[in-house]
Every structure is written in structure tokens, then in C-alpha cells.
Amino acid sequence: MKYHIFIGSALDDLKNERRELPRIITELGHIPVMADYLEKTELSTSDTQQPGPLVQKMIEECDYFVALTAHKYCAKGEKNSLLEAEHLTAVKSGIPIVSLIIDDKARWKANKKEKDAALVKKQESFKKKLRAGVHATWASTAELCQKAQNLLIQAMNLNPRCGWVRANQAVQPYVANEIARLSSENEQFRRLVKMEGGDLVLRVKEQIMHVLKILTINKTALNFYYTNGENWENTRQFRCLRIFKTIAPELAVGKTTAEISRFLGTVLNPDLDRTIRKDFPTPSNTIRKIMADFHLLKLVKCTNEGETKAGDEIWEITEYGKEVYSVFRMRQLEKSLTKKAQ
């Protein structure tokens, strides 16, 4: 992760120090941002000494802001501080700020200090603002470099930012949008479960019992075709519940319509003295109707719908179908336990 770090200071009195800070930032593996040329050209047409739009944009796009100040408040012949204006832009943009303020006891040339009493007062007021945040004082260039490094590392650890990545490593917008959408849906689902709690579980149980009742009440006619037969024979009525509980374990792995027809023909054959034929011993249209009804109840799903010819559909039990089968088996086991106890 690389960070863009904006360096702001008065331009007249800290030229040497401004050269050192980019070196420190680069050695830390990050990107120094300075706007010396833009500051000079934009100020030349400004009466308010506010940073121009380009400088403002540069600051707003940075991850951290370094405010470096000594005894000069503004450029020669001016009345307002560009650094203070840049600092205000960083504050409004919510950018973490580290301030490096010269120690009052440090040796400093007289021509690098403000002489105007009003400007001295403004500079002291501005330093007071900086001291209210993350800051350090320095008395020499070497000390400045050391403390700048310490403050930046501290800021990055305590307040990590988005930073900068290569374009080929960045998350594509559609991926970010999809993640945001899924996160929103997940949060809505969590709230729903939290609000409804036991009521939601109760409704699911009631729904499963309703499905089992539907399967118990409804019946389906099946007839059979035998190896030496000439037509369909032995028509029998089977409850849908019996058919479902018979094929449910088999559908853990997908089965085609033809395989389901052969399995049901073998298991439900009413005449065990006769052998059913291999291909569709039970009518394919009846099997498809049964599976369509189970699909309507969300018990099974067709995994290759629309991809194959009729009869080659592949059917699998759904997670909901597994829950319904589980409830049915638990009821059967409980009944067996009750009978044994009696």
C-alpha cells in the first residue's frame, strides 16, 4: 500500500527543510506531493491567498497532510498564509494531519522571522491550532527528519487510509458494486432474522408440515411395462409422499428422468414374479409430471433445464427438499420409538 502525502509550508523560509521531507517520505515507501509551482502561480492572481482549485484537488486526493512551519506566517508582501488555507482544506476533507512546528528555543535567522506584529500574532494563533492535533517540535533539520518519520508511521498505524494501488490491482467498479449489493442484502437478512427470531423458524416448520400434508393427500397412478408384455399393466395408485420418500435419497446425486422411471419401476413393481423392461418401465410423461409437481413444491430442481431432449432431464433434491425429508424421517423414527415403548 502506498500513500500520497501532501507537504505544506511557507515557501520563503523552509526551502532546505522542504527538500528533506520528500526524501523521508520516499524512503518510507510512499509518494510525496508538493505544489510549489502551482502555489506561486495561483497566488499571483489571488487576493485572498486561498489555495487555487488545482492545489485544493491535490490536497483532497492525498491520504495525509504534513504541516511544516517556523516563524514565517506568509510570503513576503502578503497578509494571509497559504499554509493555513491548505491546512483548512485538509481539515474539511477529513485528511489526517501531522504538524512539525519549530521549537521556540531553536536558533533561527532574524530575516526568516516575521517583523509585523499583526503577522506574528496570526502565526502564533495558527501554531496554537496545529498544537491541538498530532504534532512535534524540531530544532534542526536532522531532528525534523526523525520526528517527521515517527509521526507519519504513527499516523499510518493509528489511522490507515485507502492509499494507492496499481490500476491492474484495483477492484473493478462492477465487483465493488456487487460486493456492496451483497453486503446490503446480507445486512437486511440479518435484521430480518433478528427481528422475527423464533417466528421465522416457526413459519418454516409450519410450511414443511403443510407440504407433507399435500404429499400425503395427493395420489398418482403408475402403470408398468414388463419384459414380455405388450402394453401397460398393473395400474396402481401411490401417494405422492410414498414416491417422494422413495426417491429422495437417490436424488442426492442427480438422476435423469429415465433413471427415475427405472428405479420406481423396480421398487414399486406390484408383480415381483415378472421382470420390468429396462427402458422406461413406468411412463415417462407420468414421471415428468411427478417431478414437475415436486419442483413446484421446491423439493427438487432440474439442473440442466432446456439443455437436453425430453427424458434426459437431470433432477436433484434441493436443500429445502432435504429438510422436508428429514422432518418426515424424524416423525417415522419417533413413531417407531413410541410403539416400542408401548
Protein backbone atom coordinates (compact mmCIF):
# COMPACT_ATOMS: atom_id res chain seq x y z
CA MET A 1 0.00 0.00 0.00
CA LYS A 2 1.36 3.41 -0.97
CA TYR A 3 0.11 6.71 0.44
CA HIS A 4 0.07 10.18 -1.12
CA ILE A 5 1.38 12.66 1.46
CA PHE A 6 0.98 16.39 0.86
CA ILE A 7 3.73 18.66 2.20
CA GLY A 8 2.59 22.16 3.09
CA SER A 9 4.70 25.03 4.45
CA ALA A 10 5.63 28.65 3.90
CA LEU A 11 7.70 28.89 0.72
CA ASP A 12 10.24 31.54 1.71
CA ASP A 13 11.92 30.31 4.89
CA LEU A 14 11.93 26.49 4.76
CA LYS A 15 13.47 25.64 1.40
CA ASN A 16 16.10 23.27 2.80
CA GLU A 17 13.64 21.53 5.12
CA ARG A 18 11.13 21.10 2.29
CA ARG A 19 13.78 19.21 0.32
CA GLU A 20 14.33 16.74 3.17
CA LEU A 21 10.71 15.76 3.76
CA PRO A 22 10.16 14.23 0.27
CA ARG A 23 13.26 12.11 0.84
CA ILE A 24 11.92 10.82 4.16
CA ILE A 25 8.51 10.02 2.64
CA THR A 26 10.09 8.24 -0.34
CA GLU A 27 12.32 6.16 1.94
CA LEU A 28 9.19 5.08 3.83
CA GLY A 29 7.88 3.75 0.51
CA HIS A 30 5.23 6.42 -0.08
CA ILE A 31 4.63 9.29 -2.51
CA PRO A 32 5.38 12.92 -1.56
CA VAL A 33 3.12 15.56 -3.08
CA MET A 34 4.20 19.21 -3.37
CA ALA A 35 2.61 22.06 -5.23
CA ASP A 36 5.33 24.73 -5.16
CA TYR A 37 4.89 25.90 -8.73
CA LEU A 38 1.10 25.82 -8.59
CA GLU A 39 1.10 27.68 -5.28
CA LYS A 40 3.18 30.52 -6.71
CA THR A 41 1.21 30.87 -9.94
CA GLU A 42 -2.22 30.57 -8.35
CA LEU A 43 -1.33 33.04 -5.60
CA SER A 44 -0.22 35.62 -8.13
CA THR A 45 -3.82 36.15 -9.18
CA SER A 46 -5.41 35.70 -5.74
CA ASP A 47 -6.31 38.49 -3.38
CA THR A 48 -7.46 36.14 -0.60
CA GLN A 49 -4.36 33.92 -0.53
CA GLN A 50 -6.58 30.81 -0.72
CA PRO A 51 -5.25 27.69 -2.47
CA GLY A 52 -6.41 27.54 -6.04
CA PRO A 53 -8.65 24.74 -7.36
CA LEU A 54 -5.76 22.58 -8.55
CA VAL A 55 -3.98 22.72 -5.18
CA GLN A 56 -7.25 22.03 -3.37
CA LYS A 57 -7.86 18.99 -5.56
CA MET A 58 -4.33 17.71 -4.89
CA ILE A 59 -4.85 18.01 -1.14
CA GLU A 60 -8.28 16.35 -1.21
CA GLU A 61 -6.86 13.37 -3.11
CA CYS A 62 -4.00 12.84 -0.64
CA ASP A 63 -4.03 10.41 2.29
CA TYR A 64 -2.09 12.52 4.80
CA PHE A 65 -1.14 16.18 5.21
CA VAL A 66 2.16 17.41 6.69
CA ALA A 67 2.13 20.98 8.01
CA LEU A 68 5.66 22.34 8.37
CA THR A 69 6.09 25.75 9.95
CA ALA A 70 8.71 28.02 11.56
CA HIS A 71 8.49 31.78 12.19
CA LYS A 72 7.09 32.98 8.85
CA TYR A 73 3.33 33.32 8.52
CA CYS A 74 3.06 34.18 4.85
CA ALA A 75 5.07 35.10 1.76
CA LYS A 76 6.74 38.46 1.52
CA GLY A 77 4.29 41.26 0.73
CA GLU A 78 1.25 39.12 1.60
CA LYS A 79 -1.14 39.23 4.55
CA ASN A 80 -2.59 35.72 4.54
CA SER A 81 -0.96 32.33 4.98
CA LEU A 82 -1.27 29.81 2.17
CA LEU A 83 -0.27 27.04 4.60
CA GLU A 84 -3.16 27.91 6.89
CA ALA A 85 -5.54 27.85 3.92
CA GLU A 86 -4.16 24.45 2.82
CA HIS A 87 -4.46 23.20 6.40
CA LEU A 88 -8.11 24.24 6.45
CA THR A 89 -8.73 22.34 3.20
CA ALA A 90 -7.23 19.20 4.76
CA VAL A 91 -9.36 19.63 7.89
CA LYS A 92 -12.56 19.99 5.85
CA SER A 93 -11.63 16.93 3.78
CA GLY A 94 -11.06 14.82 6.88
CA ILE A 95 -7.42 14.14 5.99
CA PRO A 96 -5.16 13.15 8.93
CA ILE A 97 -2.70 15.96 9.69
CA VAL A 98 0.73 15.82 11.30
CA SER A 99 2.34 19.13 12.23
CA LEU A 100 6.03 19.91 12.58
CA ILE A 101 6.49 23.16 14.50
CA ILE A 102 9.85 24.80 15.11
CA ASP A 103 10.95 24.88 18.72
CA ASP A 104 10.81 28.40 20.16
CA LYS A 105 14.37 27.94 21.54
CA ALA A 106 15.84 26.87 18.18
CA ARG A 107 18.45 29.16 16.61
CA TRP A 108 16.92 30.96 13.61
CA LYS A 109 17.99 33.79 11.34
CA ALA A 110 16.32 37.13 12.00
CA ASN A 111 15.46 37.65 8.32
CA LYS A 112 13.38 34.45 8.45
CA LYS A 113 11.12 35.78 11.18
CA GLU A 114 8.01 37.95 10.92
CA LYS A 115 8.53 41.55 11.98
CA ASP A 116 4.99 42.78 11.57
CA ALA A 117 3.26 42.47 14.97
CA ALA A 118 -0.07 41.55 13.34
CA LEU A 119 1.52 38.73 11.34
CA VAL A 120 3.41 37.46 14.39
CA LYS A 121 0.09 37.28 16.24
CA LYS A 122 -1.53 35.37 13.35
CA GLN A 123 1.41 32.95 13.24
CA GLU A 124 1.15 32.23 16.96
CA SER A 125 -2.59 31.71 16.65
CA PHE A 126 -2.04 29.27 13.76
CA LYS A 127 0.63 27.34 15.72
CA LYS A 128 -1.87 27.00 18.56
CA LYS A 129 -4.28 25.30 16.14
CA LEU A 130 -1.55 22.92 15.00
CA ARG A 131 -0.58 22.03 18.58
CA ALA A 132 -4.16 20.92 19.19
CA GLY A 133 -3.56 17.98 16.84
CA VAL A 134 -0.79 15.44 16.25
CA HIS A 135 2.44 17.45 16.32
CA ALA A 136 6.10 17.60 17.29
CA THR A 137 8.64 20.40 17.65
CA TRP A 138 12.05 20.44 15.99
CA ALA A 139 15.23 22.48 16.36
CA SER A 140 17.37 21.18 13.50
CA THR A 141 16.97 19.56 10.11
CA ALA A 142 18.13 16.21 11.47
CA GLU A 143 15.59 16.35 14.29
CA LEU A 144 12.90 17.41 11.82
CA CYS A 145 13.55 14.33 9.65
CA GLN A 146 13.48 11.97 12.61
CA LYS A 147 10.26 13.35 14.06
CA ALA A 148 8.56 13.55 10.65
CA GLN A 149 9.26 9.85 10.14
CA ASN A 150 7.98 8.94 13.61
CA LEU A 151 4.77 10.97 13.26
CA LEU A 152 3.97 9.57 9.81
CA ILE A 153 4.47 5.96 10.90
CA GLN A 154 2.28 6.64 13.93
CA ALA A 155 -0.46 8.23 11.79
CA MET A 156 -0.42 5.32 9.32
CA ASN A 157 -0.75 2.77 12.13
CA LEU A 158 -3.46 4.59 14.05
CA ASN A 159 -5.39 5.94 11.08
CA PRO A 160 -4.84 3.75 7.97
CA ARG A 161 -6.19 5.16 4.72
CA CYS A 162 -7.32 3.80 1.35
CA GLY A 163 -3.98 4.54 -0.26
CA TRP A 164 -2.96 3.96 -3.84
CA VAL A 165 -2.73 0.74 -5.87
CA ARG A 166 -1.77 -0.02 -9.46
CA ALA A 167 -4.64 0.06 -11.94
CA ASN A 168 -4.26 -3.66 -12.69
CA GLN A 169 -4.57 -4.44 -8.97
CA ALA A 170 -7.57 -2.25 -8.29
CA VAL A 171 -11.01 -3.76 -7.77
CA GLN A 172 -13.15 -3.26 -10.86
CA PRO A 173 -16.15 -0.97 -10.27
CA TYR A 174 -18.68 -3.71 -11.06
CA VAL A 175 -17.01 -6.00 -8.50
CA ALA A 176 -17.12 -3.30 -5.85
CA ASN A 177 -20.78 -2.61 -6.68
CA GLU A 178 -21.63 -6.32 -6.43
CA ILE A 179 -19.85 -6.63 -3.08
CA ALA A 180 -21.76 -3.59 -1.82
CA ARG A 181 -25.05 -5.05 -3.04
CA LEU A 182 -24.42 -8.44 -1.43
CA SER A 183 -23.34 -6.77 1.81
CA SER A 184 -26.56 -4.78 1.84
CA GLU A 185 -28.67 -7.88 1.21
CA ASN A 186 -26.80 -9.77 3.92
CA GLU A 187 -27.40 -6.96 6.40
CA GLN A 188 -31.12 -6.89 5.53
CA PHE A 189 -31.35 -10.64 6.03
CA ARG A 190 -29.58 -10.40 9.39
CA ARG A 191 -32.02 -7.71 10.51
CA LEU A 192 -34.98 -9.84 9.35
CA VAL A 193 -33.78 -12.87 11.29
CA LYS A 194 -33.03 -10.74 14.34
CA MET A 195 -36.47 -9.11 14.27
CA GLU A 196 -38.50 -12.22 13.59
CA GLY A 197 -36.36 -14.70 15.51
CA GLY A 198 -38.41 -17.71 16.60
CA ASP A 199 -41.41 -16.66 14.48
CA LEU A 200 -39.36 -17.22 11.31
CA VAL A 201 -38.35 -20.74 12.41
CA LEU A 202 -41.94 -21.50 13.38
CA ARG A 203 -43.24 -20.41 9.97
CA VAL A 204 -40.69 -22.65 8.20
CA LYS A 205 -41.77 -25.64 10.30
CA GLU A 206 -45.44 -24.93 9.57
CA GLN A 207 -44.66 -24.71 5.86
CA ILE A 208 -42.84 -28.07 5.92
CA MET A 209 -45.80 -29.71 7.68
CA HIS A 210 -48.12 -28.21 5.07
CA VAL A 211 -46.03 -29.69 2.25
CA LEU A 212 -46.05 -33.13 3.92
CA LYS A 213 -49.83 -32.90 4.19
CA ILE A 214 -50.11 -32.09 0.47
CA LEU A 215 -47.89 -35.07 -0.38
CA THR A 216 -49.99 -37.34 1.86
CA ILE A 217 -53.36 -36.34 0.41
CA ASN A 218 -52.47 -36.44 -3.28
CA LYS A 219 -52.06 -39.65 -5.26
CA THR A 220 -50.56 -40.55 -8.64
CA ALA A 221 -51.44 -43.50 -10.89
CA LEU A 222 -48.49 -45.58 -12.11
CA ASN A 223 -48.63 -48.49 -14.53
CA PHE A 224 -45.88 -50.88 -15.54
CA TYR A 225 -44.38 -52.37 -18.68
CA TYR A 226 -42.88 -55.85 -18.41
CA THR A 227 -40.17 -57.51 -20.50
CA ASN A 228 -42.54 -59.95 -22.22
CA GLY A 229 -45.51 -57.61 -22.10
CA GLU A 230 -47.30 -55.91 -24.98
CA ASN A 231 -48.88 -52.97 -23.15
CA TRP A 232 -49.03 -51.08 -19.85
CA GLU A 233 -50.34 -53.20 -16.98
CA ASN A 234 -50.98 -53.30 -13.24
CA THR A 235 -52.12 -49.70 -12.73
CA ARG A 236 -51.73 -48.71 -9.10
CA GLN A 237 -52.41 -45.55 -7.05
CA PHE A 238 -49.47 -44.32 -4.97
CA ARG A 239 -49.45 -41.46 -2.52
CA CYS A 240 -47.08 -38.66 -3.55
CA LEU A 241 -45.47 -38.89 -0.12
CA ARG A 242 -44.53 -42.53 -0.75
CA ILE A 243 -42.98 -41.65 -4.10
CA PHE A 244 -41.07 -38.70 -2.61
CA LYS A 245 -39.68 -40.64 0.36
CA THR A 246 -38.69 -43.45 -2.02
CA ILE A 247 -36.68 -41.35 -4.46
CA ALA A 248 -35.40 -38.57 -2.12
CA PRO A 249 -32.23 -40.43 -1.01
CA GLU A 250 -31.46 -41.30 -4.64
CA LEU A 251 -31.60 -37.65 -5.73
CA ALA A 252 -28.66 -36.59 -3.55
CA VAL A 253 -26.79 -37.32 -6.79
CA GLY A 254 -28.57 -36.16 -9.93
CA LYS A 255 -30.73 -38.71 -11.74
CA THR A 256 -32.24 -38.46 -15.23
CA THR A 257 -35.98 -38.93 -15.86
CA ALA A 258 -35.16 -42.30 -17.44
CA GLU A 259 -33.20 -43.42 -14.35
CA ILE A 260 -36.02 -42.32 -12.01
CA SER A 261 -38.54 -44.26 -14.15
CA ARG A 262 -36.38 -47.40 -13.92
CA PHE A 263 -35.82 -47.01 -10.15
CA LEU A 264 -39.53 -46.50 -9.34
CA GLY A 265 -40.48 -49.35 -11.65
CA THR A 266 -38.13 -51.68 -9.81
CA VAL A 267 -39.07 -50.62 -6.26
CA LEU A 268 -42.84 -50.25 -6.77
CA ASN A 269 -43.40 -53.22 -9.12
CA PRO A 270 -46.60 -54.92 -7.81
CA ASP A 271 -45.82 -58.25 -9.55
CA LEU A 272 -42.46 -59.49 -8.31
CA ASP A 273 -42.75 -62.68 -10.39
CA ARG A 274 -42.34 -60.66 -13.56
CA THR A 275 -39.37 -58.56 -14.73
CA ILE A 276 -39.93 -54.99 -15.79
CA ARG A 277 -38.37 -53.77 -19.03
CA LYS A 278 -35.12 -51.79 -18.90
CA ASP A 279 -36.17 -48.56 -20.68
CA PHE A 280 -39.00 -46.61 -19.08
CA PRO A 281 -40.82 -49.38 -17.22
CA THR A 282 -43.07 -46.59 -15.93
CA PRO A 283 -44.48 -43.91 -18.30
CA SER A 284 -42.05 -41.04 -18.98
CA ASN A 285 -44.84 -38.45 -19.13
CA THR A 286 -46.10 -39.55 -15.69
CA ILE A 287 -42.59 -39.39 -14.21
CA ARG A 288 -42.06 -35.90 -15.63
CA LYS A 289 -45.43 -34.81 -14.17
CA ILE A 290 -44.44 -36.15 -10.74
CA MET A 291 -41.07 -34.37 -10.86
CA ALA A 292 -42.74 -31.14 -12.08
CA ASP A 293 -45.07 -31.26 -9.05
CA PHE A 294 -42.11 -31.81 -6.71
CA HIS A 295 -40.34 -28.91 -8.43
CA LEU A 296 -43.40 -26.72 -7.83
CA LEU A 297 -43.17 -27.56 -4.13
CA LYS A 298 -39.44 -26.64 -4.26
CA LEU A 299 -38.44 -30.18 -3.29
CA VAL A 300 -36.36 -30.87 -6.41
CA LYS A 301 -34.64 -28.89 -9.14
CA CYS A 302 -33.76 -29.61 -12.76
CA THR A 303 -30.04 -28.91 -13.16
CA ASN A 304 -29.93 -28.94 -16.97
CA GLU A 305 -33.29 -27.46 -17.86
CA GLY A 306 -33.54 -26.57 -21.54
CA GLU A 307 -30.24 -28.24 -22.43
CA THR A 308 -31.36 -31.78 -23.30
CA LYS A 309 -34.17 -33.64 -25.01
CA ALA A 310 -37.20 -34.82 -23.04
CA GLY A 311 -36.39 -37.78 -20.80
CA ASP A 312 -32.77 -36.77 -20.21
CA GLU A 313 -33.52 -34.08 -17.62
CA ILE A 314 -31.34 -34.37 -14.52
CA TRP A 315 -33.14 -33.95 -11.21
CA GLU A 316 -31.62 -33.25 -7.80
CA ILE A 317 -33.13 -32.79 -4.36
CA THR A 318 -32.95 -29.20 -3.05
CA GLU A 319 -31.79 -28.13 0.40
CA TYR A 320 -35.42 -27.46 1.24
CA GLY A 321 -36.33 -30.94 -0.04
CA LYS A 322 -33.69 -32.42 2.29
CA GLU A 323 -35.28 -30.56 5.22
CA VAL A 324 -38.75 -31.90 4.32
CA TYR A 325 -37.39 -35.46 4.02
CA SER A 326 -35.54 -35.05 7.33
CA VAL A 327 -38.73 -33.98 9.13
CA PHE A 328 -40.62 -36.92 7.60
CA ARG A 329 -37.96 -39.43 8.71
CA MET A 330 -37.83 -37.97 12.22
CA ARG A 331 -41.60 -38.44 12.52
CA GLN A 332 -41.27 -42.05 11.34
CA LEU A 333 -38.48 -42.74 13.82
CA GLU A 334 -40.43 -41.13 16.66
CA LYS A 335 -43.49 -43.29 15.83
CA SER A 336 -41.33 -46.41 15.93
CA LEU A 337 -39.95 -45.34 19.31
CA THR A 338 -43.45 -44.78 20.68
CA LYS A 339 -44.67 -48.21 19.50
CA LYS A 340 -41.68 -49.93 21.07
CA ALA A 341 -42.32 -48.14 24.36
CA GLN A 342 -45.93 -49.39 24.38
